[in-house]
Structure formats: structure tokens, C-alpha cells
Amino acid sequence: MDKNLKKPTIHHVETVAKSRLFTVESIDLEFSNGARRLYERMKPSYHEAVMIVPIIDDHLLLIREYGVGIEDYELGFPKGLINPGEGMIEAANRELMEEAGFGAQSFTFLLNLSMAPSYFSSRLNIVMAQTLYSKRLQGDEPEPLPVVRWPISRMLALLDEPDFCEARNVSALFLVHAWLNQTLQK
């Protein structure tokens, strides 16, 4: 971070809307040059999430899940919230079992990402799961999620799939691609 940058002063925070899932806040900010603006954001939540890129038999495992925001099914990696008191790896293994029907013996942490930092405080941990075994846990999904095996040798061809376009999935794909290339070069 540039040490010369001074964070804006927050003069007032007010809840302007609330639903079952979200609280929207209005933030009155004053920047170091005196400019003042009202911004809106989701009320900060300090719960993190995890996205898992599972690898089995030279294939990536993906799921097909309905996204009400786009009103369609999206091909992507298993993901979910880290529950209070739960570690990142424990949450990754639980979500993998709930959404894809597999557990993993080995996890590799790749990166912690921010998501839309102008509006959300949310963070997403990207992990790779290897040495998979069959294990299904009941999750909160309203329907079974189809599991898709995708050859690692064609992993970047996922970018040509019209239903593989969510930014977090694309980020995870590139992180795993870079990790695998770096590992093969050693």
C-alpha cells in the first residue's frame, strides 16, 4: 500500500435497507482532499468463504449449480461459507463432501481474494483438493448438484464454455493452472 495515501474519514454510517440476507449501509466519507461522498455497501461481515478446486485422476471436478442472480445454471467449483469455529480446510472438506460427494486427504491453499471491495468486505479462500475419496454429506442445496469431470490437459478450454464465466471460478482456474505449471517445472 502507498504510505502517502490517507484513508477517508468516515463521518456517519446508517442502515438504509435490510433483508433476511443483507443489510445495506450508507457511508458518509470525506477524502483527504476535502471531497465528500455518500457510498453504499453491504454491512461488513467477517465470515470468510472457501472455493475448492478438486483434482481426481487428471481431471478437475466441477459442479453445475443454479444461480438466481443470473437465473441460470453455472458450471463452477464447489464453494461455501466457513462456519463459526470451523477452520478453512475443515470447511473446504465439508463443502466438497456436500456439493460434489468427495472428501480430500490433501489441500493446498492458493490465495485469499477480496470480492467487489467497493461493496463487500467478503473474502474468499481458494484451495486445491487432491487425493479424493467418495464421501457425501447432506448440505443445504435444494437439489442434487451434477458433477462434471474436466480433463486437466484441457483446463483452459473451460474459458470457452458459456456457463463457466463467474469471476471467482475463472480466478481459481488460473491459480490452479499456474500452480500446476510451477509444480511441473520443478
N, C-alpha and C. Protein backbone atom coordinates (compact mmCIF):
# COMPACT_ATOMS: atom_id res chain seq x y z
N MET A 1 0.84 -1.18 0.00
CA MET A 1 0.00 0.00 0.00
C MET A 1 0.88 1.23 0.00
N ASP A 2 0.48 2.25 -0.73
CA ASP A 2 1.18 3.52 -0.78
C ASP A 2 1.02 4.22 0.56
N LYS A 3 2.14 4.44 1.26
CA LYS A 3 2.10 5.04 2.59
C LYS A 3 1.68 6.50 2.55
N ASN A 4 1.69 7.11 1.37
CA ASN A 4 1.27 8.51 1.24
C ASN A 4 -0.25 8.65 1.17
N LEU A 5 -0.94 7.56 0.91
CA LEU A 5 -2.40 7.62 0.83
C LEU A 5 -2.99 7.64 2.23
N LYS A 6 -3.90 8.57 2.45
CA LYS A 6 -4.59 8.66 3.73
C LYS A 6 -6.02 8.17 3.52
N LYS A 7 -6.45 7.23 4.35
CA LYS A 7 -7.80 6.71 4.22
C LYS A 7 -8.82 7.82 4.47
N PRO A 8 -9.96 7.77 3.77
CA PRO A 8 -11.02 8.75 4.01
C PRO A 8 -11.54 8.67 5.45
N THR A 9 -12.06 9.78 5.92
CA THR A 9 -12.68 9.83 7.23
C THR A 9 -14.15 9.42 7.09
N ILE A 10 -14.58 8.52 7.93
CA ILE A 10 -15.98 8.11 7.94
C ILE A 10 -16.70 9.00 8.95
N HIS A 11 -17.65 9.80 8.44
CA HIS A 11 -18.40 10.70 9.31
C HIS A 11 -19.66 10.06 9.87
N HIS A 12 -20.29 9.21 9.06
CA HIS A 12 -21.56 8.63 9.51
C HIS A 12 -21.83 7.33 8.75
N VAL A 13 -22.36 6.35 9.46
CA VAL A 13 -22.79 5.08 8.87
C VAL A 13 -24.25 4.87 9.28
N GLU A 14 -25.10 4.59 8.28
CA GLU A 14 -26.52 4.42 8.54
C GLU A 14 -27.06 3.23 7.76
N THR A 15 -27.88 2.41 8.40
CA THR A 15 -28.54 1.31 7.71
C THR A 15 -29.68 1.89 6.88
N VAL A 16 -29.68 1.61 5.56
CA VAL A 16 -30.72 2.16 4.68
C VAL A 16 -31.67 1.09 4.15
N ALA A 17 -31.28 -0.18 4.26
CA ALA A 17 -32.15 -1.28 3.81
C ALA A 17 -31.69 -2.56 4.49
N LYS A 18 -32.65 -3.44 4.71
CA LYS A 18 -32.32 -4.70 5.36
C LYS A 18 -33.24 -5.79 4.84
N SER A 19 -32.66 -6.95 4.55
CA SER A 19 -33.44 -8.11 4.15
C SER A 19 -33.03 -9.28 5.04
N ARG A 20 -33.56 -10.43 4.75
CA ARG A 20 -33.20 -11.63 5.50
C ARG A 20 -31.69 -11.92 5.39
N LEU A 21 -31.10 -11.59 4.23
CA LEU A 21 -29.69 -11.92 3.99
C LEU A 21 -28.74 -10.73 4.04
N PHE A 22 -29.23 -9.54 3.70
CA PHE A 22 -28.32 -8.41 3.53
C PHE A 22 -28.76 -7.19 4.32
N THR A 23 -27.78 -6.42 4.75
CA THR A 23 -28.00 -5.10 5.34
C THR A 23 -27.19 -4.12 4.52
N VAL A 24 -27.87 -3.12 3.96
CA VAL A 24 -27.20 -2.10 3.14
C VAL A 24 -26.97 -0.87 4.01
N GLU A 25 -25.73 -0.38 3.97
CA GLU A 25 -25.37 0.81 4.74
C GLU A 25 -25.02 1.96 3.81
N SER A 26 -25.34 3.17 4.25
CA SER A 26 -24.89 4.39 3.59
C SER A 26 -23.72 4.92 4.41
N ILE A 27 -22.64 5.26 3.73
CA ILE A 27 -21.41 5.70 4.39
C ILE A 27 -21.10 7.11 3.92
N ASP A 28 -21.00 8.05 4.85
CA ASP A 28 -20.62 9.43 4.55
C ASP A 28 -19.10 9.54 4.73
N LEU A 29 -18.39 9.70 3.60
CA LEU A 29 -16.92 9.74 3.60
C LEU A 29 -16.40 11.12 3.23
N GLU A 30 -15.27 11.48 3.85
CA GLU A 30 -14.53 12.68 3.45
C GLU A 30 -13.11 12.26 3.10
N PHE A 31 -12.71 12.57 1.86
CA PHE A 31 -11.38 12.22 1.39
C PHE A 31 -10.36 13.27 1.81
N SER A 32 -9.10 12.92 1.73
CA SER A 32 -8.03 13.81 2.21
C SER A 32 -7.99 15.15 1.48
N ASN A 33 -8.55 15.22 0.28
CA ASN A 33 -8.59 16.49 -0.47
C ASN A 33 -9.84 17.32 -0.13
N GLY A 34 -10.64 16.84 0.83
CA GLY A 34 -11.85 17.56 1.24
C GLY A 34 -13.11 17.13 0.53
N ALA A 35 -13.00 16.35 -0.53
CA ALA A 35 -14.19 15.89 -1.25
C ALA A 35 -15.00 14.96 -0.34
N ARG A 36 -16.31 15.12 -0.38
CA ARG A 36 -17.20 14.32 0.45
C ARG A 36 -18.18 13.56 -0.44
N ARG A 37 -18.40 12.30 -0.13
CA ARG A 37 -19.29 11.46 -0.93
C ARG A 37 -20.08 10.53 -0.02
N LEU A 38 -21.28 10.15 -0.52
CA LEU A 38 -22.06 9.10 0.12
C LEU A 38 -21.89 7.83 -0.71
N TYR A 39 -21.49 6.77 -0.07
CA TYR A 39 -21.34 5.46 -0.71
C TYR A 39 -22.31 4.50 -0.05
N GLU A 40 -22.64 3.43 -0.76
CA GLU A 40 -23.42 2.35 -0.17
C GLU A 40 -22.60 1.08 -0.25
N ARG A 41 -22.77 0.25 0.78
CA ARG A 41 -22.08 -1.03 0.84
C ARG A 41 -22.95 -2.01 1.62
N MET A 42 -22.62 -3.27 1.47
CA MET A 42 -23.22 -4.28 2.33
C MET A 42 -22.53 -4.17 3.69
N LYS A 43 -23.28 -4.29 4.75
CA LYS A 43 -22.70 -4.23 6.09
C LYS A 43 -21.57 -5.25 6.18
N PRO A 44 -20.42 -4.82 6.68
CA PRO A 44 -19.28 -5.74 6.75
C PRO A 44 -19.61 -7.02 7.52
N SER A 45 -19.17 -8.11 6.94
CA SER A 45 -19.29 -9.42 7.57
C SER A 45 -17.90 -10.00 7.61
N TYR A 46 -17.55 -10.56 8.70
CA TYR A 46 -16.19 -11.06 8.82
C TYR A 46 -16.13 -12.57 8.66
N HIS A 47 -17.22 -13.13 8.09
CA HIS A 47 -17.23 -14.55 7.75
C HIS A 47 -16.56 -14.71 6.39
N GLU A 48 -15.61 -15.60 6.31
CA GLU A 48 -14.95 -15.86 5.04
C GLU A 48 -15.60 -17.07 4.37
N ALA A 49 -15.29 -17.25 3.11
CA ALA A 49 -15.78 -18.38 2.34
C ALA A 49 -14.58 -19.13 1.76
N VAL A 50 -14.87 -20.29 1.19
CA VAL A 50 -13.84 -21.11 0.60
C VAL A 50 -14.35 -21.65 -0.73
N MET A 51 -13.47 -21.68 -1.73
CA MET A 51 -13.76 -22.32 -3.01
C MET A 51 -12.72 -23.43 -3.19
N ILE A 52 -13.20 -24.59 -3.59
CA ILE A 52 -12.34 -25.76 -3.69
C ILE A 52 -12.20 -26.17 -5.15
N VAL A 53 -10.96 -26.36 -5.60
CA VAL A 53 -10.69 -26.89 -6.93
C VAL A 53 -10.22 -28.34 -6.73
N PRO A 54 -11.16 -29.29 -6.88
CA PRO A 54 -10.81 -30.70 -6.67
C PRO A 54 -10.17 -31.32 -7.90
N ILE A 55 -9.15 -32.14 -7.66
CA ILE A 55 -8.46 -32.84 -8.75
C ILE A 55 -8.50 -34.34 -8.46
N ILE A 56 -8.97 -35.11 -9.45
CA ILE A 56 -9.02 -36.56 -9.32
C ILE A 56 -8.70 -37.18 -10.69
N ASP A 57 -7.78 -38.11 -10.70
CA ASP A 57 -7.44 -38.86 -11.93
C ASP A 57 -7.21 -37.93 -13.12
N ASP A 58 -6.37 -36.95 -12.98
CA ASP A 58 -6.04 -36.00 -14.05
C ASP A 58 -7.26 -35.23 -14.57
N HIS A 59 -8.24 -35.04 -13.72
CA HIS A 59 -9.44 -34.27 -14.05
C HIS A 59 -9.74 -33.27 -12.94
N LEU A 60 -10.31 -32.14 -13.33
CA LEU A 60 -10.90 -31.21 -12.38
C LEU A 60 -12.33 -31.67 -12.15
N LEU A 61 -12.82 -31.51 -10.93
CA LEU A 61 -14.23 -31.77 -10.65
C LEU A 61 -14.94 -30.44 -10.51
N LEU A 62 -16.00 -30.28 -11.27
CA LEU A 62 -16.82 -29.07 -11.20
C LEU A 62 -18.25 -29.48 -10.88
N ILE A 63 -19.05 -28.52 -10.49
CA ILE A 63 -20.46 -28.76 -10.24
C ILE A 63 -21.27 -27.79 -11.09
N ARG A 64 -22.50 -28.16 -11.32
CA ARG A 64 -23.42 -27.29 -12.04
C ARG A 64 -24.48 -26.88 -11.01
N GLU A 65 -24.55 -25.56 -10.74
CA GLU A 65 -25.42 -25.06 -9.68
C GLU A 65 -26.23 -23.86 -10.17
N TYR A 66 -27.47 -23.80 -9.73
CA TYR A 66 -28.35 -22.70 -10.14
C TYR A 66 -27.95 -21.42 -9.42
N GLY A 67 -27.83 -20.34 -10.18
CA GLY A 67 -27.56 -19.01 -9.63
C GLY A 67 -28.75 -18.10 -9.89
N VAL A 68 -29.48 -17.77 -8.84
CA VAL A 68 -30.69 -16.97 -9.03
C VAL A 68 -30.37 -15.57 -9.56
N GLY A 69 -29.18 -15.07 -9.29
CA GLY A 69 -28.79 -13.74 -9.79
C GLY A 69 -28.78 -13.68 -11.31
N ILE A 70 -28.36 -14.77 -11.95
CA ILE A 70 -28.32 -14.83 -13.41
C ILE A 70 -29.48 -15.65 -13.98
N GLU A 71 -30.27 -16.24 -13.07
CA GLU A 71 -31.42 -17.06 -13.45
C GLU A 71 -31.04 -18.18 -14.42
N ASP A 72 -29.93 -18.84 -14.11
CA ASP A 72 -29.46 -19.94 -14.95
C ASP A 72 -28.48 -20.79 -14.16
N TYR A 73 -28.10 -21.93 -14.75
CA TYR A 73 -27.11 -22.81 -14.14
C TYR A 73 -25.71 -22.36 -14.54
N GLU A 74 -24.79 -22.47 -13.61
CA GLU A 74 -23.41 -22.06 -13.81
C GLU A 74 -22.52 -23.27 -13.51
N LEU A 75 -21.54 -23.49 -14.37
CA LEU A 75 -20.53 -24.52 -14.14
C LEU A 75 -19.42 -23.90 -13.31
N GLY A 76 -19.07 -24.51 -12.20
CA GLY A 76 -18.03 -23.93 -11.35
C GLY A 76 -17.53 -24.93 -10.32
N PHE A 77 -16.72 -24.42 -9.42
CA PHE A 77 -16.12 -25.23 -8.38
C PHE A 77 -16.97 -25.18 -7.11
N PRO A 78 -16.92 -26.23 -6.29
CA PRO A 78 -17.64 -26.19 -5.02
C PRO A 78 -17.17 -25.03 -4.15
N LYS A 79 -18.11 -24.45 -3.40
CA LYS A 79 -17.77 -23.30 -2.55
C LYS A 79 -18.79 -23.16 -1.45
N GLY A 80 -18.44 -22.41 -0.44
CA GLY A 80 -19.39 -22.14 0.63
C GLY A 80 -18.75 -21.36 1.75
N LEU A 81 -19.59 -20.97 2.71
CA LEU A 81 -19.13 -20.20 3.86
C LEU A 81 -18.34 -21.08 4.83
N ILE A 82 -17.40 -20.45 5.51
CA ILE A 82 -16.70 -21.09 6.62
C ILE A 82 -17.55 -20.81 7.86
N ASN A 83 -18.05 -21.86 8.49
CA ASN A 83 -18.90 -21.70 9.66
C ASN A 83 -18.10 -21.21 10.86
N PRO A 84 -18.74 -20.49 11.79
CA PRO A 84 -18.04 -20.06 13.01
C PRO A 84 -17.42 -21.27 13.73
N GLY A 85 -16.16 -21.12 14.11
CA GLY A 85 -15.45 -22.18 14.81
C GLY A 85 -14.84 -23.23 13.89
N GLU A 86 -15.07 -23.10 12.60
CA GLU A 86 -14.58 -24.07 11.62
C GLU A 86 -13.34 -23.50 10.94
N GLY A 87 -12.32 -24.33 10.73
CA GLY A 87 -11.14 -23.90 10.01
C GLY A 87 -11.39 -23.91 8.51
N MET A 88 -10.52 -23.22 7.77
CA MET A 88 -10.67 -23.14 6.32
C MET A 88 -10.63 -24.52 5.66
N ILE A 89 -9.69 -25.37 6.04
CA ILE A 89 -9.55 -26.69 5.43
C ILE A 89 -10.73 -27.58 5.82
N GLU A 90 -11.17 -27.48 7.06
CA GLU A 90 -12.33 -28.25 7.52
C GLU A 90 -13.57 -27.85 6.71
N ALA A 91 -13.75 -26.54 6.49
CA ALA A 91 -14.88 -26.06 5.70
C ALA A 91 -14.75 -26.52 4.25
N ALA A 92 -13.54 -26.48 3.70
CA ALA A 92 -13.33 -26.92 2.32
C ALA A 92 -13.71 -28.39 2.17
N ASN A 93 -13.31 -29.21 3.10
CA ASN A 93 -13.62 -30.64 3.02
C ASN A 93 -15.12 -30.87 3.17
N ARG A 94 -15.76 -30.15 4.09
CA ARG A 94 -17.21 -30.29 4.28
C ARG A 94 -17.97 -29.88 3.01
N GLU A 95 -17.63 -28.72 2.45
CA GLU A 95 -18.30 -28.25 1.24
C GLU A 95 -18.08 -29.20 0.07
N LEU A 96 -16.89 -29.74 -0.05
CA LEU A 96 -16.58 -30.70 -1.10
C LEU A 96 -17.46 -31.95 -0.96
N MET A 97 -17.62 -32.42 0.27
CA MET A 97 -18.47 -33.60 0.52
C MET A 97 -19.94 -33.28 0.24
N GLU A 98 -20.39 -32.11 0.64
CA GLU A 98 -21.79 -31.73 0.44
C GLU A 98 -22.14 -31.51 -1.02
N GLU A 99 -21.26 -30.84 -1.75
CA GLU A 99 -21.60 -30.42 -3.10
C GLU A 99 -21.14 -31.39 -4.19
N ALA A 100 -20.04 -32.10 -3.97
CA ALA A 100 -19.50 -32.97 -5.02
C ALA A 100 -19.47 -34.44 -4.65
N GLY A 101 -19.72 -34.77 -3.37
CA GLY A 101 -19.72 -36.17 -2.96
C GLY A 101 -18.34 -36.77 -2.79
N PHE A 102 -17.35 -35.91 -2.50
CA PHE A 102 -15.97 -36.37 -2.29
C PHE A 102 -15.37 -35.64 -1.09
N GLY A 103 -14.48 -36.31 -0.40
CA GLY A 103 -13.62 -35.70 0.58
C GLY A 103 -12.21 -35.70 0.01
N ALA A 104 -11.29 -35.03 0.68
CA ALA A 104 -9.90 -34.99 0.20
C ALA A 104 -8.95 -35.22 1.37
N GLN A 105 -7.84 -35.85 1.07
CA GLN A 105 -6.80 -36.07 2.08
C GLN A 105 -5.75 -34.97 2.06
N SER A 106 -5.70 -34.21 0.97
CA SER A 106 -4.66 -33.19 0.81
C SER A 106 -5.27 -31.89 0.26
N PHE A 107 -4.94 -30.79 0.91
CA PHE A 107 -5.39 -29.47 0.47
C PHE A 107 -4.19 -28.54 0.34
N THR A 108 -4.22 -27.70 -0.69
CA THR A 108 -3.19 -26.69 -0.89
C THR A 108 -3.87 -25.33 -0.95
N PHE A 109 -3.51 -24.45 -0.02
CA PHE A 109 -4.04 -23.09 -0.03
C PHE A 109 -3.36 -22.32 -1.16
N LEU A 110 -4.16 -21.61 -1.98
CA LEU A 110 -3.60 -20.87 -3.11
C LEU A 110 -3.64 -19.36 -2.89
N LEU A 111 -4.78 -18.80 -2.49
CA LEU A 111 -4.87 -17.35 -2.34
C LEU A 111 -6.16 -16.97 -1.63
N ASN A 112 -6.11 -15.84 -0.93
CA ASN A 112 -7.29 -15.24 -0.31
C ASN A 112 -7.65 -14.01 -1.14
N LEU A 113 -8.86 -14.01 -1.72
CA LEU A 113 -9.30 -12.95 -2.61
C LEU A 113 -10.34 -12.06 -1.96
N SER A 114 -10.33 -10.77 -2.32
CA SER A 114 -11.46 -9.91 -1.98
C SER A 114 -12.44 -9.99 -3.14
N MET A 115 -13.70 -9.72 -2.83
CA MET A 115 -14.73 -9.80 -3.87
C MET A 115 -15.50 -8.48 -3.86
N ALA A 116 -15.40 -7.73 -4.94
CA ALA A 116 -16.11 -6.45 -5.08
C ALA A 116 -15.89 -5.57 -3.86
N PRO A 117 -14.63 -5.17 -3.59
CA PRO A 117 -14.31 -4.45 -2.35
C PRO A 117 -14.98 -3.08 -2.22
N SER A 118 -15.54 -2.54 -3.28
CA SER A 118 -16.27 -1.28 -3.16
C SER A 118 -17.62 -1.48 -2.47
N TYR A 119 -18.09 -2.73 -2.45
CA TYR A 119 -19.41 -3.00 -1.89
C TYR A 119 -19.44 -4.06 -0.80
N PHE A 120 -18.45 -4.96 -0.78
CA PHE A 120 -18.45 -6.08 0.16
C PHE A 120 -17.13 -6.16 0.91
N SER A 121 -17.19 -6.67 2.13
CA SER A 121 -15.97 -6.94 2.89
C SER A 121 -15.57 -8.41 2.76
N SER A 122 -16.36 -9.18 2.05
CA SER A 122 -16.18 -10.63 1.97
C SER A 122 -14.83 -11.02 1.39
N ARG A 123 -14.31 -12.14 1.91
CA ARG A 123 -13.06 -12.71 1.44
C ARG A 123 -13.31 -14.16 1.05
N LEU A 124 -12.61 -14.63 0.02
CA LEU A 124 -12.75 -16.00 -0.48
C LEU A 124 -11.38 -16.65 -0.52
N ASN A 125 -11.26 -17.80 0.14
CA ASN A 125 -10.03 -18.58 0.14
C ASN A 125 -10.12 -19.62 -0.97
N ILE A 126 -9.15 -19.63 -1.85
CA ILE A 126 -9.10 -20.61 -2.93
C ILE A 126 -8.14 -21.72 -2.49
N VAL A 127 -8.63 -22.97 -2.50
CA VAL A 127 -7.81 -24.11 -2.15
C VAL A 127 -7.95 -25.19 -3.22
N MET A 128 -6.90 -25.96 -3.38
CA MET A 128 -6.91 -27.10 -4.29
C MET A 128 -7.01 -28.35 -3.43
N ALA A 129 -7.85 -29.30 -3.84
CA ALA A 129 -8.02 -30.56 -3.11
C ALA A 129 -7.53 -31.72 -3.96
N GLN A 130 -6.72 -32.59 -3.34
CA GLN A 130 -6.19 -33.75 -4.05
C GLN A 130 -6.34 -34.99 -3.17
N THR A 131 -6.05 -36.13 -3.75
CA THR A 131 -6.22 -37.43 -3.09
C THR A 131 -7.65 -37.54 -2.57
N LEU A 132 -8.58 -37.57 -3.52
CA LEU A 132 -10.01 -37.58 -3.20
C LEU A 132 -10.50 -38.99 -2.91
N TYR A 133 -11.55 -39.06 -2.12
CA TYR A 133 -12.24 -40.31 -1.81
C TYR A 133 -13.74 -40.03 -1.78
N SER A 134 -14.55 -41.04 -2.11
CA SER A 134 -16.00 -40.87 -2.12
C SER A 134 -16.52 -40.66 -0.71
N LYS A 135 -17.29 -39.59 -0.52
CA LYS A 135 -17.92 -39.30 0.78
C LYS A 135 -18.94 -38.20 0.55
N ARG A 136 -20.18 -38.48 0.86
CA ARG A 136 -21.25 -37.49 0.67
C ARG A 136 -21.80 -37.09 2.02
N LEU A 137 -21.94 -35.78 2.23
CA LEU A 137 -22.63 -35.22 3.39
C LEU A 137 -23.86 -34.47 2.89
N GLN A 138 -24.90 -34.44 3.70
CA GLN A 138 -26.09 -33.66 3.36
C GLN A 138 -25.77 -32.18 3.56
N GLY A 139 -26.00 -31.39 2.53
CA GLY A 139 -25.77 -29.95 2.62
C GLY A 139 -27.08 -29.19 2.58
N ASP A 140 -26.98 -27.91 2.28
CA ASP A 140 -28.18 -27.06 2.24
C ASP A 140 -28.67 -26.82 0.81
N GLU A 141 -28.11 -27.54 -0.15
CA GLU A 141 -28.52 -27.38 -1.54
C GLU A 141 -29.93 -27.91 -1.73
N PRO A 142 -30.78 -27.20 -2.47
CA PRO A 142 -32.16 -27.64 -2.65
C PRO A 142 -32.33 -28.79 -3.64
N GLU A 143 -31.28 -29.08 -4.41
CA GLU A 143 -31.34 -30.18 -5.39
C GLU A 143 -29.94 -30.77 -5.52
N PRO A 144 -29.85 -32.03 -5.97
CA PRO A 144 -28.51 -32.61 -6.20
C PRO A 144 -27.77 -31.80 -7.26
N LEU A 145 -26.47 -31.62 -7.04
CA LEU A 145 -25.66 -30.86 -7.98
C LEU A 145 -24.91 -31.82 -8.90
N PRO A 146 -25.16 -31.74 -10.21
CA PRO A 146 -24.41 -32.59 -11.14
C PRO A 146 -22.91 -32.31 -11.06
N VAL A 147 -22.12 -33.37 -11.04
CA VAL A 147 -20.66 -33.25 -11.00
C VAL A 147 -20.14 -33.48 -12.42
N VAL A 148 -19.24 -32.61 -12.85
CA VAL A 148 -18.65 -32.68 -14.19
C VAL A 148 -17.15 -32.89 -14.03
N ARG A 149 -16.62 -33.92 -14.70
CA ARG A 149 -15.17 -34.15 -14.74
C ARG A 149 -14.62 -33.48 -15.99
N TRP A 150 -13.57 -32.69 -15.80
CA TRP A 150 -12.97 -31.95 -16.92
C TRP A 150 -11.48 -32.27 -16.96
N PRO A 151 -10.97 -32.74 -18.10
CA PRO A 151 -9.55 -33.11 -18.19
C PRO A 151 -8.62 -31.92 -17.88
N ILE A 152 -7.65 -32.15 -17.03
CA ILE A 152 -6.67 -31.10 -16.71
C ILE A 152 -5.94 -30.67 -17.98
N SER A 153 -5.70 -31.60 -18.90
CA SER A 153 -4.99 -31.26 -20.14
C SER A 153 -5.75 -30.23 -20.97
N ARG A 154 -7.06 -30.06 -20.70
CA ARG A 154 -7.88 -29.09 -21.43
C ARG A 154 -8.48 -28.04 -20.48
N MET A 155 -7.82 -27.81 -19.36
CA MET A 155 -8.42 -26.95 -18.34
C MET A 155 -8.72 -25.54 -18.84
N LEU A 156 -7.86 -24.96 -19.66
CA LEU A 156 -8.12 -23.60 -20.13
C LEU A 156 -9.25 -23.54 -21.16
N ALA A 157 -9.63 -24.70 -21.72
CA ALA A 157 -10.78 -24.74 -22.62
C ALA A 157 -12.08 -24.47 -21.86
N LEU A 158 -12.05 -24.55 -20.54
CA LEU A 158 -13.23 -24.16 -19.74
C LEU A 158 -13.63 -22.71 -20.04
N LEU A 159 -12.66 -21.89 -20.41
CA LEU A 159 -12.94 -20.48 -20.70
C LEU A 159 -13.83 -20.32 -21.93
N ASP A 160 -13.90 -21.36 -22.76
CA ASP A 160 -14.77 -21.33 -23.94
C ASP A 160 -16.19 -21.80 -23.63
N GLU A 161 -16.40 -22.31 -22.44
CA GLU A 161 -17.73 -22.80 -22.05
C GLU A 161 -18.60 -21.62 -21.64
N PRO A 162 -19.76 -21.45 -22.25
CA PRO A 162 -20.60 -20.28 -21.95
C PRO A 162 -21.12 -20.24 -20.52
N ASP A 163 -21.19 -21.40 -19.84
CA ASP A 163 -21.69 -21.38 -18.47
C ASP A 163 -20.56 -21.44 -17.43
N PHE A 164 -19.32 -21.24 -17.87
CA PHE A 164 -18.17 -21.11 -16.95
C PHE A 164 -17.64 -19.69 -17.10
N CYS A 165 -18.29 -18.76 -16.43
CA CYS A 165 -17.89 -17.36 -16.65
C CYS A 165 -17.89 -16.52 -15.37
N GLU A 166 -18.15 -17.14 -14.23
CA GLU A 166 -18.16 -16.38 -12.98
C GLU A 166 -16.72 -16.06 -12.58
N ALA A 167 -16.47 -14.83 -12.18
CA ALA A 167 -15.11 -14.33 -11.94
C ALA A 167 -14.34 -15.15 -10.91
N ARG A 168 -15.00 -15.60 -9.85
CA ARG A 168 -14.28 -16.38 -8.82
C ARG A 168 -13.81 -17.71 -9.40
N ASN A 169 -14.64 -18.34 -10.23
CA ASN A 169 -14.24 -19.61 -10.85
C ASN A 169 -13.08 -19.42 -11.81
N VAL A 170 -13.14 -18.36 -12.60
CA VAL A 170 -12.06 -18.08 -13.55
C VAL A 170 -10.76 -17.80 -12.79
N SER A 171 -10.84 -17.05 -11.72
CA SER A 171 -9.65 -16.78 -10.89
C SER A 171 -9.07 -18.08 -10.35
N ALA A 172 -9.93 -18.95 -9.81
CA ALA A 172 -9.46 -20.22 -9.26
C ALA A 172 -8.81 -21.08 -10.35
N LEU A 173 -9.42 -21.09 -11.53
CA LEU A 173 -8.85 -21.86 -12.64
C LEU A 173 -7.43 -21.39 -12.96
N PHE A 174 -7.24 -20.08 -13.07
CA PHE A 174 -5.90 -19.56 -13.38
C PHE A 174 -4.90 -19.82 -12.24
N LEU A 175 -5.36 -19.75 -11.01
CA LEU A 175 -4.47 -20.03 -9.88
C LEU A 175 -4.00 -21.49 -9.90
N VAL A 176 -4.92 -22.41 -10.16
CA VAL A 176 -4.55 -23.83 -10.22
C VAL A 176 -3.67 -24.10 -11.44
N HIS A 177 -4.00 -23.48 -12.56
CA HIS A 177 -3.18 -23.63 -13.76
C HIS A 177 -1.73 -23.19 -13.49
N ALA A 178 -1.56 -22.05 -12.85
CA ALA A 178 -0.22 -21.54 -12.53
C ALA A 178 0.48 -22.47 -11.54
N TRP A 179 -0.24 -22.95 -10.54
CA TRP A 179 0.35 -23.84 -9.53
C TRP A 179 0.81 -25.14 -10.19
N LEU A 180 -0.03 -25.72 -11.04
CA LEU A 180 0.34 -26.96 -11.71
C LEU A 180 1.54 -26.77 -12.64
N ASN A 181 1.58 -25.65 -13.38
CA ASN A 181 2.73 -25.38 -14.25
C ASN A 181 4.01 -25.20 -13.45
N GLN A 182 3.91 -24.51 -12.33
CA GLN A 182 5.09 -24.29 -11.47
C GLN A 182 5.57 -25.62 -10.88
N THR A 183 4.64 -26.48 -10.49
CA THR A 183 4.99 -27.78 -9.91
C THR A 183 5.65 -28.68 -10.95
N LEU A 184 5.16 -28.64 -12.19
CA LEU A 184 5.74 -29.47 -13.25
C LEU A 184 7.14 -29.02 -13.63
N GLN A 185 7.44 -27.73 -13.44
CA GLN A 185 8.76 -27.20 -13.81
C GLN A 185 9.82 -27.54 -12.77
N LYS A 186 9.43 -27.96 -11.60
CA LYS A 186 10.41 -28.26 -10.54
C LYS A 186 11.07 -29.59 -10.77
